[in-house]
Amino acid sequence: MSAKVEYIEVDSLGNSPDNVSCHGLRDSLESVSEDSPEKTERKLNKYCAKVDRRILLYAVVLCVLNQSDRGSIGVAKVVGLEQDLGMENNDFNIAATLFTVGYLSLEMFSNFVLKYVGASRLLPILGILWGLVCALQGVIRTKTQLFVMRLLLGMAECGFTAGILFILSFFYPKKRLTTRVGIFYLSSPLSNVFSGPLASALSHINHPTIRRWQWVFLLEGIITIVVAVIGFFVLQDHPEKCAFLSDNEKDFIVSYKQKEGTLGGSQKLSRKDTTKALLDWQIWCMTIATFATCEAAGSVSVFAPEVINELGFSAAKSQAMSALPSVFGAITILLAGHIVRLCRSHWLAGSLSLAVALVGSVIMITTLSVPARIFGLCLMGAGGFAGLGILPGWNITSNSQTVANSAVASAITVFMGSSSGFVSSNVFLNSDAPRFVIGHSVNIAILALGILVCIITRISMGRRNQSFECEMHLGSQFMQPFRYVY
């Protein structure tokens, strides 16, 4: 029988700051320690399966819409957006950049707001807001209005991805978190897979007053609003307050996470831990690799239709074929966990994924052969999205020892990943078509830097773990010292 856990505020070592008795916590930890490894694993599998079906599945669906809504401008461009709004030169790049400006404007603060407001309320509200803005893009008449809407769309979407990563760190233990973060990021290539055929279908709609690109914004925005409303009934703040978990399941996961040295969502944010996490160079260093893989994936998401269109294909065929690199990306994300196990490390698996995307960029810059460039795009999709399935999860998993670390790591991960939009939005220029030398050269340099960062992080984590081994085990005798996963 699992003893009832007494939920109290604790610090990063599991100690009560007010020296309150921790008998409830200690009893529950004893219960976990008395279970056989096989029984504990069965309990964990059952618990994770329940969370997968409720929270993770919904998060993936809403994130597919999130990625599709932000990438809809690339779809709209190919089916007449620029011509109807009188856009010229680099106006499209400006619109894409303004989204990133809006997205990053409040990103660093979003998780701290979420901790106090609650994920079950804040995240659905954000979904409704960005769905509304996305739909309103379908009624604009000038490029200036498009610029304003892209800025507002970025602000509305701000906080969603970081918030999901944050609450996933509450619900899953370290050894299951990377895989779940990878599954969550599966939404990125899935949105491209769906949006390509969708745009191809919309290109055949002939309406007397509604343009084809307007259909893209209107339909995607309306669908997002409907799905976002469901979030009020699905999303939960953290395991301790989760409506669909039994008391025994709540006790089990809280004690399990305490035993592995990580904390759950009921703990309060510590100003000291938050400051320490913000000043940790290793967290920032890790996110440079995320920046690199997001740059590769973003290039495929936004500019694949344009690149394929420049190869001589029609707009409809370009949209349909643009799904191909994302299909490869979806497959590699699903295989991300197997890649990590095959490489027996996160840093090596991440480096391998970045190297694959780098090879794809090299192919794109060195040849104009249509089959070779399609293959290069597929490599960029496979490597870039595989990195999304590995690197963000590695960062969140390796920085889950306190609520502050989880909040900072997830926020910075998304902040740096989204910052790549500044680059991808401004290096693929119309004047540089069809080879796009500037864009792919920048990608090659950034991907090489990402590989170097993975190596540096691995060395740093090894040294820090050695230091942990030398530290005295303070706090509960059942608490295991935290270890970085690399």
Protein backbone atom coordinates (compact mmCIF):
# COMPACT_ATOMS: atom_id res chain seq x y z
CA MET A 1 0.00 0.00 0.00
CA SER A 2 1.30 3.45 -0.90
CA ALA A 3 1.29 5.94 1.93
CA LYS A 4 -0.37 9.29 1.36
CA VAL A 5 2.17 11.94 0.35
CA GLU A 6 2.22 15.18 2.27
CA TYR A 7 2.85 17.85 -0.36
CA ILE A 8 5.05 20.55 1.08
CA GLU A 9 7.42 23.09 -0.36
CA VAL A 10 10.94 21.73 -0.65
CA ASP A 11 14.21 23.03 -2.00
CA SER A 12 16.46 21.48 -4.66
CA LEU A 13 17.71 18.87 -2.18
CA GLY A 14 14.26 17.80 -1.05
CA ASN A 15 14.55 19.54 2.33
CA SER A 16 11.77 21.58 3.88
CA PRO A 17 12.86 25.20 4.25
CA ASP A 18 10.86 25.50 7.44
CA ASN A 19 12.16 22.25 8.91
CA VAL A 20 8.68 20.78 8.65
CA SER A 21 8.40 17.05 9.21
CA CYS A 22 8.62 15.08 5.95
CA HIS A 23 7.19 11.81 7.27
CA GLY A 24 4.58 11.59 4.49
CA LEU A 25 7.19 12.03 1.81
CA ARG A 26 9.63 9.70 3.53
CA ASP A 27 6.98 6.96 3.90
CA SER A 28 6.11 7.18 0.21
CA LEU A 29 9.76 7.02 -0.78
CA GLU A 30 10.14 3.94 1.38
CA SER A 31 7.20 2.38 -0.45
CA VAL A 32 8.87 2.92 -3.81
CA SER A 33 12.19 1.61 -2.56
CA GLU A 34 10.51 -1.56 -1.23
CA ASP A 35 8.92 -2.39 -4.59
CA SER A 36 10.88 -4.69 -6.87
CA PRO A 37 12.34 -3.04 -10.01
CA GLU A 38 9.89 -5.01 -12.15
CA LYS A 39 6.88 -3.83 -10.12
CA THR A 40 8.08 -0.23 -10.15
CA GLU A 41 8.57 -0.39 -13.93
CA ARG A 42 5.04 -1.76 -14.41
CA LYS A 43 3.61 1.04 -12.30
CA LEU A 44 5.60 3.59 -14.27
CA ASN A 45 4.49 2.17 -17.62
CA LYS A 46 0.84 2.27 -16.57
CA TYR A 47 1.15 5.81 -15.27
CA CYS A 48 2.97 7.11 -18.36
CA ALA A 49 0.46 5.46 -20.70
CA LYS A 50 -2.38 7.28 -18.96
CA VAL A 51 -0.61 10.66 -19.20
CA ASP A 52 0.28 9.93 -22.84
CA ARG A 53 -3.36 9.37 -23.77
CA ARG A 54 -4.63 12.48 -22.03
CA ILE A 55 -2.06 15.27 -21.97
CA LEU A 56 0.60 14.34 -24.52
CA LEU A 57 -1.83 13.40 -27.29
CA TYR A 58 -3.77 16.64 -26.90
CA ALA A 59 -0.53 18.66 -26.76
CA VAL A 60 0.61 17.12 -30.05
CA VAL A 61 -2.72 17.86 -31.77
CA LEU A 62 -2.78 21.48 -30.61
CA CYS A 63 0.88 21.94 -31.50
CA VAL A 64 0.24 20.61 -35.02
CA LEU A 65 -2.25 23.45 -35.38
CA ASN A 66 0.22 25.84 -33.76
CA GLN A 67 2.95 25.00 -36.24
CA SER A 68 0.51 24.97 -39.15
CA ASP A 69 -0.88 28.40 -38.25
CA ARG A 70 2.54 30.02 -38.05
CA GLY A 71 3.71 28.30 -41.25
CA SER A 72 0.53 29.09 -43.15
CA ILE A 73 2.14 32.21 -44.58
CA GLY A 74 4.49 30.00 -46.61
CA VAL A 75 1.48 28.14 -48.01
CA ALA A 76 -0.38 31.38 -48.70
CA LYS A 77 2.63 32.83 -50.51
CA VAL A 78 2.62 30.14 -53.17
CA VAL A 79 -1.13 30.48 -53.83
CA GLY A 80 -1.22 34.24 -54.44
CA LEU A 81 -0.66 36.15 -51.17
CA GLU A 82 2.14 38.38 -52.48
CA GLN A 83 0.40 39.34 -55.69
CA ASP A 84 -2.95 40.19 -54.06
CA LEU A 85 -1.36 42.32 -51.31
CA GLY A 86 1.12 44.03 -53.59
CA MET A 87 4.16 42.65 -51.81
CA GLU A 88 7.55 43.05 -53.46
CA ASN A 89 11.27 42.65 -52.83
CA ASN A 90 11.72 41.28 -49.28
CA ASP A 91 8.27 42.11 -47.87
CA PHE A 92 7.62 38.42 -47.26
CA ASN A 93 10.82 38.15 -45.22
CA ILE A 94 9.72 41.16 -43.17
CA ALA A 95 6.38 39.51 -42.41
CA ALA A 96 8.10 36.29 -41.33
CA THR A 97 10.54 38.26 -39.15
CA LEU A 98 7.77 40.23 -37.43
CA PHE A 99 6.20 36.97 -36.27
CA THR A 100 9.46 36.08 -34.55
CA VAL A 101 9.68 39.54 -32.95
CA GLY A 102 6.21 39.11 -31.49
CA TYR A 103 6.91 35.55 -30.39
CA LEU A 104 10.08 36.44 -28.52
CA SER A 105 8.73 39.62 -26.95
CA LEU A 106 7.30 37.83 -23.90
CA GLU A 107 8.77 34.34 -24.24
CA MET A 108 11.26 34.54 -21.36
CA PHE A 109 8.48 35.42 -18.89
CA SER A 110 5.81 33.00 -20.09
CA ASN A 111 6.66 30.04 -17.85
CA PHE A 112 6.70 32.16 -14.73
CA VAL A 113 3.21 33.41 -15.60
CA LEU A 114 2.10 29.84 -16.32
CA LYS A 115 3.33 28.64 -12.92
CA TYR A 116 1.01 31.08 -11.17
CA VAL A 117 -1.96 31.07 -13.56
CA GLY A 118 -1.90 27.32 -14.32
CA ALA A 119 -1.44 25.46 -17.59
CA SER A 120 -5.06 24.30 -17.65
CA ARG A 121 -6.19 27.92 -18.03
CA LEU A 122 -3.37 29.79 -19.77
CA LEU A 123 -2.60 27.38 -22.62
CA PRO A 124 -6.18 27.07 -23.96
CA ILE A 125 -6.55 30.86 -23.80
CA LEU A 126 -3.39 31.24 -25.89
CA GLY A 127 -4.77 28.74 -28.42
CA ILE A 128 -8.00 30.68 -28.79
CA LEU A 129 -6.09 33.95 -29.24
CA TRP A 130 -3.73 32.75 -31.95
CA GLY A 131 -6.55 30.92 -33.74
CA LEU A 132 -8.51 34.17 -33.83
CA VAL A 133 -5.53 36.15 -35.17
CA CYS A 134 -4.82 33.46 -37.76
CA ALA A 135 -8.41 33.62 -39.02
CA LEU A 136 -8.30 37.43 -39.17
CA GLN A 137 -5.36 37.19 -41.57
CA GLY A 138 -7.92 35.94 -44.05
CA VAL A 139 -9.69 39.32 -44.21
CA ILE A 140 -6.72 41.66 -44.60
CA ARG A 141 -6.34 43.82 -47.68
CA THR A 142 -2.83 45.35 -47.48
CA LYS A 143 0.69 44.21 -46.68
CA THR A 144 0.79 46.60 -43.71
CA GLN A 145 -2.18 44.79 -42.20
CA LEU A 146 -0.32 41.51 -42.78
CA PHE A 147 2.71 42.87 -40.90
CA VAL A 148 0.54 43.81 -37.93
CA MET A 149 -1.21 40.45 -37.91
CA ARG A 150 2.06 38.51 -38.03
CA LEU A 151 3.32 40.50 -35.05
CA LEU A 152 0.12 39.80 -33.11
CA LEU A 153 0.18 36.12 -34.10
CA GLY A 154 3.68 35.77 -32.65
CA MET A 155 2.59 37.42 -29.40
CA ALA A 156 -0.49 35.18 -29.17
CA GLU A 157 1.53 31.98 -29.70
CA CYS A 158 4.20 33.09 -27.23
CA GLY A 159 4.35 30.79 -24.23
CA PHE A 160 2.57 27.75 -25.66
CA THR A 161 5.53 25.54 -26.59
CA ALA A 162 7.59 26.50 -23.54
CA GLY A 163 4.53 25.92 -21.36
CA ILE A 164 3.98 22.42 -22.72
CA LEU A 165 7.65 21.52 -22.21
CA PHE A 166 7.40 22.91 -18.68
CA ILE A 167 4.42 20.79 -17.62
CA LEU A 168 5.83 17.69 -19.32
CA SER A 169 8.81 17.98 -16.97
CA PHE A 170 6.33 17.80 -14.08
CA PHE A 171 4.52 14.69 -15.32
CA TYR A 172 7.37 12.51 -16.61
CA PRO A 173 10.51 11.21 -14.88
CA LYS A 174 13.92 11.84 -16.43
CA LYS A 175 14.26 8.55 -18.28
CA ARG A 176 10.88 9.02 -20.00
CA LEU A 177 10.99 12.78 -20.60
CA THR A 178 13.28 13.01 -23.66
CA THR A 179 11.14 10.58 -25.65
CA ARG A 180 7.94 12.47 -24.78
CA VAL A 181 9.43 15.83 -25.71
CA GLY A 182 10.48 14.25 -29.02
CA ILE A 183 6.92 12.99 -29.60
CA PHE A 184 5.63 16.48 -28.84
CA TYR A 185 7.94 17.95 -31.47
CA LEU A 186 6.57 15.40 -33.93
CA SER A 187 3.88 18.03 -34.43
CA SER A 188 6.29 20.18 -36.43
CA PRO A 189 6.80 17.86 -39.42
CA LEU A 190 3.20 16.60 -39.14
CA SER A 191 1.94 20.15 -39.64
CA ASN A 192 4.00 20.39 -42.82
CA VAL A 193 2.74 17.02 -44.03
CA PHE A 194 -0.85 18.15 -43.60
CA SER A 195 -0.45 21.74 -44.80
CA GLY A 196 1.13 20.79 -48.14
CA PRO A 197 -1.76 18.62 -49.40
CA LEU A 198 -4.24 21.04 -47.80
CA ALA A 199 -2.83 23.96 -49.76
CA SER A 200 -2.81 21.85 -52.91
CA ALA A 201 -6.51 21.10 -52.40
CA LEU A 202 -7.32 24.74 -51.63
CA SER A 203 -5.58 25.82 -54.83
CA HIS A 204 -8.43 24.23 -56.76
CA ILE A 205 -11.14 26.24 -54.97
CA ASN A 206 -12.71 28.90 -57.14
CA HIS A 207 -14.77 31.38 -55.13
CA PRO A 208 -15.98 34.72 -56.47
CA THR A 209 -14.87 36.75 -53.41
CA ILE A 210 -12.63 34.59 -51.19
CA ARG A 211 -9.11 34.08 -52.49
CA ARG A 212 -7.27 30.76 -52.16
CA TRP A 213 -4.75 32.15 -49.65
CA GLN A 214 -7.63 33.53 -47.56
CA TRP A 215 -9.11 30.05 -47.26
CA VAL A 216 -5.79 28.88 -45.77
CA PHE A 217 -5.93 31.40 -42.91
CA LEU A 218 -9.68 31.21 -42.27
CA LEU A 219 -9.99 27.42 -42.07
CA GLU A 220 -6.85 26.88 -39.99
CA GLY A 221 -7.83 29.62 -37.53
CA ILE A 222 -11.35 28.29 -36.99
CA ILE A 223 -10.12 24.72 -36.45
CA THR A 224 -7.56 25.94 -33.90
CA ILE A 225 -10.17 27.82 -31.85
CA VAL A 226 -12.39 24.72 -31.61
CA VAL A 227 -9.52 22.46 -30.50
CA ALA A 228 -8.18 25.07 -28.04
CA VAL A 229 -11.51 25.20 -26.17
CA ILE A 230 -11.23 21.46 -25.51
CA GLY A 231 -8.00 22.19 -23.61
CA PHE A 232 -9.95 23.61 -20.66
CA PHE A 233 -11.22 20.07 -20.02
CA VAL A 234 -8.04 18.14 -20.86
CA LEU A 235 -4.93 19.97 -19.67
CA GLN A 236 -3.79 19.69 -16.03
CA ASP A 237 -1.39 21.85 -14.03
CA HIS A 238 0.75 19.10 -12.48
CA PRO A 239 0.42 15.50 -11.19
CA GLU A 240 -0.46 16.47 -7.63
CA LYS A 241 -3.64 18.26 -8.87
CA CYS A 242 -4.35 15.99 -11.84
CA ALA A 243 -8.03 15.05 -12.03
CA PHE A 244 -7.60 11.79 -13.96
CA LEU A 245 -4.93 10.30 -11.67
CA SER A 246 -5.82 8.23 -8.61
CA ASP A 247 -4.32 9.05 -5.21
CA ASN A 248 -2.00 6.05 -5.49
CA GLU A 249 -0.78 7.19 -8.91
CA LYS A 250 -0.16 10.70 -7.59
CA ASP A 251 1.77 9.32 -4.63
CA PHE A 252 3.79 7.04 -6.88
CA ILE A 253 4.97 9.63 -9.41
CA VAL A 254 5.74 12.29 -6.80
CA SER A 255 7.85 9.87 -4.76
CA TYR A 256 9.46 8.45 -7.90
CA LYS A 257 10.57 11.90 -9.05
CA GLN A 258 11.82 12.73 -5.57
CA LYS A 259 13.86 9.56 -5.56
CA GLU A 260 15.53 10.39 -8.88
CA GLY A 261 16.42 13.87 -7.64
CA THR A 262 13.83 15.92 -9.58
CA LEU A 263 10.90 17.95 -8.31
CA GLY A 264 7.27 18.19 -9.33
CA GLY A 265 4.93 21.03 -10.18
CA SER A 266 3.58 21.61 -6.67
CA GLN A 267 6.86 23.16 -5.54
CA LYS A 268 7.13 26.92 -5.57
CA LEU A 269 9.58 28.84 -7.72
CA SER A 270 12.68 29.76 -5.76
CA ARG A 271 14.25 33.12 -6.60
CA LYS A 272 17.67 31.76 -5.70
CA ASP A 273 17.29 28.70 -7.95
CA THR A 274 15.87 30.83 -10.76
CA THR A 275 18.82 33.25 -10.67
CA LYS A 276 21.27 30.36 -10.56
CA ALA A 277 19.64 28.69 -13.56
CA LEU A 278 19.58 31.92 -15.57
CA LEU A 279 23.31 32.38 -14.96
CA ASP A 280 24.22 28.78 -15.84
CA TRP A 281 26.31 28.96 -19.03
CA GLN A 282 25.73 25.27 -19.72
CA ILE A 283 21.97 25.75 -20.20
CA TRP A 284 22.59 28.57 -22.67
CA CYS A 285 25.27 26.56 -24.43
CA MET A 286 22.93 23.59 -24.92
CA THR A 287 20.29 25.79 -26.49
CA ILE A 288 22.68 26.83 -29.28
CA ALA A 289 22.36 23.27 -30.59
CA THR A 290 18.57 23.66 -30.42
CA PHE A 291 18.95 26.93 -32.34
CA ALA A 292 20.85 25.04 -35.05
CA THR A 293 18.34 22.22 -35.45
CA CYS A 294 15.40 24.66 -35.43
CA GLU A 295 17.12 26.68 -38.15
CA ALA A 296 17.32 23.59 -40.35
CA ALA A 297 13.76 22.49 -39.57
CA GLY A 298 12.45 26.04 -40.02
CA SER A 299 14.09 26.30 -43.42
CA VAL A 300 12.20 23.22 -44.51
CA SER A 301 8.90 24.34 -42.96
CA VAL A 302 8.75 27.83 -44.44
CA PHE A 303 10.81 27.75 -47.60
CA ALA A 304 10.53 24.20 -48.96
CA PRO A 305 7.47 25.13 -51.11
CA GLU A 306 9.36 28.09 -52.57
CA VAL A 307 12.55 26.09 -53.19
CA ILE A 308 10.59 23.33 -54.94
CA ASN A 309 8.62 25.90 -56.91
CA GLU A 310 11.91 27.39 -58.17
CA LEU A 311 12.83 23.94 -59.50
CA GLY A 312 10.11 24.37 -62.13
CA PHE A 313 7.08 22.75 -60.49
CA SER A 314 3.65 24.37 -60.41
CA ALA A 315 2.32 25.96 -57.22
CA ALA A 316 -0.01 23.01 -56.54
CA LYS A 317 2.71 20.43 -57.11
CA SER A 318 5.18 22.44 -55.03
CA GLN A 319 2.81 22.39 -52.07
CA ALA A 320 2.16 18.68 -52.38
CA MET A 321 5.86 17.84 -52.80
CA SER A 322 6.86 20.09 -49.88
CA ALA A 323 5.34 17.48 -47.59
CA LEU A 324 8.04 14.96 -48.59
CA PRO A 325 10.92 16.38 -46.49
CA SER A 326 8.57 16.62 -43.53
CA VAL A 327 7.54 12.97 -43.96
CA PHE A 328 11.19 12.05 -43.55
CA GLY A 329 11.33 14.41 -40.57
CA ALA A 330 8.32 12.77 -38.93
CA ILE A 331 9.91 9.34 -39.36
CA THR A 332 13.21 10.42 -37.81
CA ILE A 333 11.46 12.04 -34.85
CA LEU A 334 9.64 8.76 -34.21
CA LEU A 335 13.03 7.03 -34.38
CA ALA A 336 14.77 9.64 -32.20
CA GLY A 337 14.60 7.48 -29.09
CA HIS A 338 16.09 4.54 -30.98
CA ILE A 339 18.83 6.80 -32.35
CA VAL A 340 19.75 7.87 -28.81
CA ARG A 341 19.84 4.25 -27.66
CA LEU A 342 21.88 3.23 -30.70
CA CYS A 343 24.39 6.01 -30.07
CA ARG A 344 24.15 5.33 -26.30
CA SER A 345 24.15 9.08 -25.66
CA HIS A 346 22.14 12.21 -26.35
CA TRP A 347 25.06 14.38 -27.39
CA LEU A 348 26.26 11.95 -30.06
CA ALA A 349 22.74 11.36 -31.40
CA GLY A 350 22.18 15.13 -31.55
CA SER A 351 25.48 15.66 -33.35
CA LEU A 352 24.58 12.96 -35.87
CA SER A 353 21.21 14.58 -36.64
CA LEU A 354 22.85 17.98 -37.16
CA ALA A 355 25.45 16.39 -39.44
CA VAL A 356 22.72 14.85 -41.62
CA ALA A 357 21.05 18.26 -42.02
CA LEU A 358 24.44 19.79 -42.81
CA VAL A 359 25.01 17.30 -45.63
CA GLY A 360 21.57 18.18 -47.01
CA SER A 361 22.49 21.88 -47.08
CA VAL A 362 25.77 21.09 -48.84
CA ILE A 363 23.87 19.21 -51.55
CA MET A 364 21.43 22.10 -51.98
CA ILE A 365 24.23 24.61 -52.47
CA THR A 366 26.40 22.56 -54.82
CA THR A 367 23.93 21.36 -57.46
CA LEU A 368 20.84 22.38 -59.40
CA SER A 369 19.91 18.80 -60.24
CA VAL A 370 16.24 18.38 -59.37
CA PRO A 371 16.51 14.81 -57.93
CA ALA A 372 19.64 15.73 -55.96
CA ARG A 373 18.03 18.87 -54.49
CA ILE A 374 14.88 16.99 -53.52
CA PHE A 375 17.16 14.47 -51.79
CA GLY A 376 19.02 17.32 -50.09
CA LEU A 377 15.75 18.76 -48.79
CA CYS A 378 14.80 15.35 -47.44
CA LEU A 379 18.14 15.14 -45.61
CA MET A 380 17.56 18.61 -44.15
CA GLY A 381 14.11 17.51 -42.99
CA ALA A 382 15.37 14.22 -41.59
CA GLY A 383 18.31 15.76 -39.74
CA GLY A 384 16.60 18.95 -38.61
CA PHE A 385 13.50 17.26 -37.25
CA ALA A 386 15.49 14.39 -35.73
CA GLY A 387 17.39 17.05 -33.81
CA LEU A 388 14.05 18.43 -32.59
CA GLY A 389 13.28 14.96 -31.27
CA ILE A 390 16.57 14.79 -29.36
CA LEU A 391 18.12 18.14 -28.41
CA PRO A 392 15.23 20.03 -26.69
CA GLY A 393 14.33 16.90 -24.72
CA TRP A 394 17.96 16.47 -23.69
CA ASN A 395 18.02 20.04 -22.41
CA ILE A 396 14.79 19.74 -20.43
CA THR A 397 15.73 16.32 -19.03
CA SER A 398 19.18 17.47 -17.97
CA ASN A 399 17.81 20.51 -16.15
CA SER A 400 14.86 19.14 -14.22
CA GLN A 401 16.35 19.09 -10.74
CA THR A 402 14.22 22.05 -9.60
CA VAL A 403 11.08 23.79 -10.78
CA ALA A 404 13.21 26.86 -11.51
CA ASN A 405 15.61 24.86 -13.67
CA SER A 406 12.69 23.36 -15.62
CA ALA A 407 11.09 26.77 -16.10
CA VAL A 408 14.30 28.43 -17.24
CA ALA A 409 15.52 25.54 -19.41
CA SER A 410 12.21 25.14 -21.26
CA ALA A 411 11.82 28.91 -21.74
CA ILE A 412 15.37 29.41 -23.02
CA THR A 413 15.12 26.32 -25.24
CA VAL A 414 12.04 27.69 -26.98
CA PHE A 415 13.44 31.24 -26.98
CA MET A 416 16.64 30.19 -28.75
CA GLY A 417 14.82 27.82 -31.08
CA SER A 418 12.37 30.53 -32.07
CA SER A 419 15.20 33.05 -32.49
CA SER A 420 16.36 30.95 -35.41
CA GLY A 421 13.37 32.43 -37.22
CA PHE A 422 15.28 35.70 -37.49
CA VAL A 423 17.89 33.89 -39.53
CA SER A 424 15.72 31.60 -41.66
CA SER A 425 13.34 34.47 -42.44
CA ASN A 426 16.09 36.69 -43.85
CA VAL A 427 18.65 34.46 -45.58
CA PHE A 428 16.44 32.81 -48.22
CA LEU A 429 15.99 35.80 -50.51
CA ASN A 430 14.01 35.93 -53.75
CA SER A 431 17.02 37.49 -55.47
CA ASP A 432 19.15 34.48 -54.49
CA ALA A 433 16.91 31.88 -56.18
CA PRO A 434 17.15 29.13 -57.28
CA ARG A 435 20.39 28.09 -55.58
CA PHE A 436 19.89 30.14 -52.40
CA VAL A 437 23.64 30.23 -51.72
CA ILE A 438 23.37 32.67 -48.82
CA GLY A 439 20.67 30.72 -46.99
CA HIS A 440 22.31 27.33 -47.24
CA SER A 441 25.78 28.72 -46.43
CA VAL A 442 24.41 30.22 -43.21
CA ASN A 443 22.72 26.90 -42.40
CA ILE A 444 26.00 25.02 -42.86
CA ALA A 445 27.86 27.35 -40.49
CA ILE A 446 25.15 27.20 -37.80
CA LEU A 447 24.84 23.41 -37.98
CA ALA A 448 28.62 23.03 -37.62
CA LEU A 449 28.48 25.28 -34.53
CA GLY A 450 25.67 23.13 -33.13
CA ILE A 451 27.82 20.00 -33.41
CA LEU A 452 30.67 21.75 -31.59
CA VAL A 453 28.29 22.82 -28.81
CA CYS A 454 27.12 19.21 -28.28
CA ILE A 455 30.73 18.16 -27.73
CA ILE A 456 31.42 21.02 -25.29
CA THR A 457 28.24 20.24 -23.31
CA ARG A 458 29.16 16.57 -23.05
CA ILE A 459 32.54 17.45 -21.55
CA SER A 460 30.98 19.91 -19.09
CA MET A 461 28.31 17.45 -17.93
CA GLY A 462 30.89 14.74 -17.35
CA ARG A 463 32.89 17.04 -15.13
CA ARG A 464 29.84 18.20 -13.20
CA ASN A 465 28.71 14.63 -12.56
CA GLN A 466 32.16 13.86 -11.18
CA SER A 467 31.74 16.78 -8.80
CA PHE A 468 28.34 15.45 -7.70
CA GLU A 469 29.97 12.15 -6.81
CA CYS A 470 32.24 13.98 -4.38
CA GLU A 471 29.44 15.83 -2.63
CA MET A 472 27.89 14.57 0.57
CA HIS A 473 24.37 13.16 0.25
CA LEU A 474 22.30 15.70 2.15
CA GLY A 475 18.60 15.50 2.91
CA SER A 476 16.57 12.30 2.81
CA GLN A 477 18.55 9.09 2.81
CA PHE A 478 16.25 7.89 0.04
CA MET A 479 16.99 10.87 -2.20
CA GLN A 480 19.39 10.04 -5.01
CA PRO A 481 21.83 12.81 -6.04
CA PHE A 482 20.91 14.50 -9.30
CA ARG A 483 22.90 13.47 -12.37
CA TYR A 484 23.14 15.09 -15.79
CA VAL A 485 22.04 12.84 -18.63
CA TYR A 486 24.30 12.97 -21.65
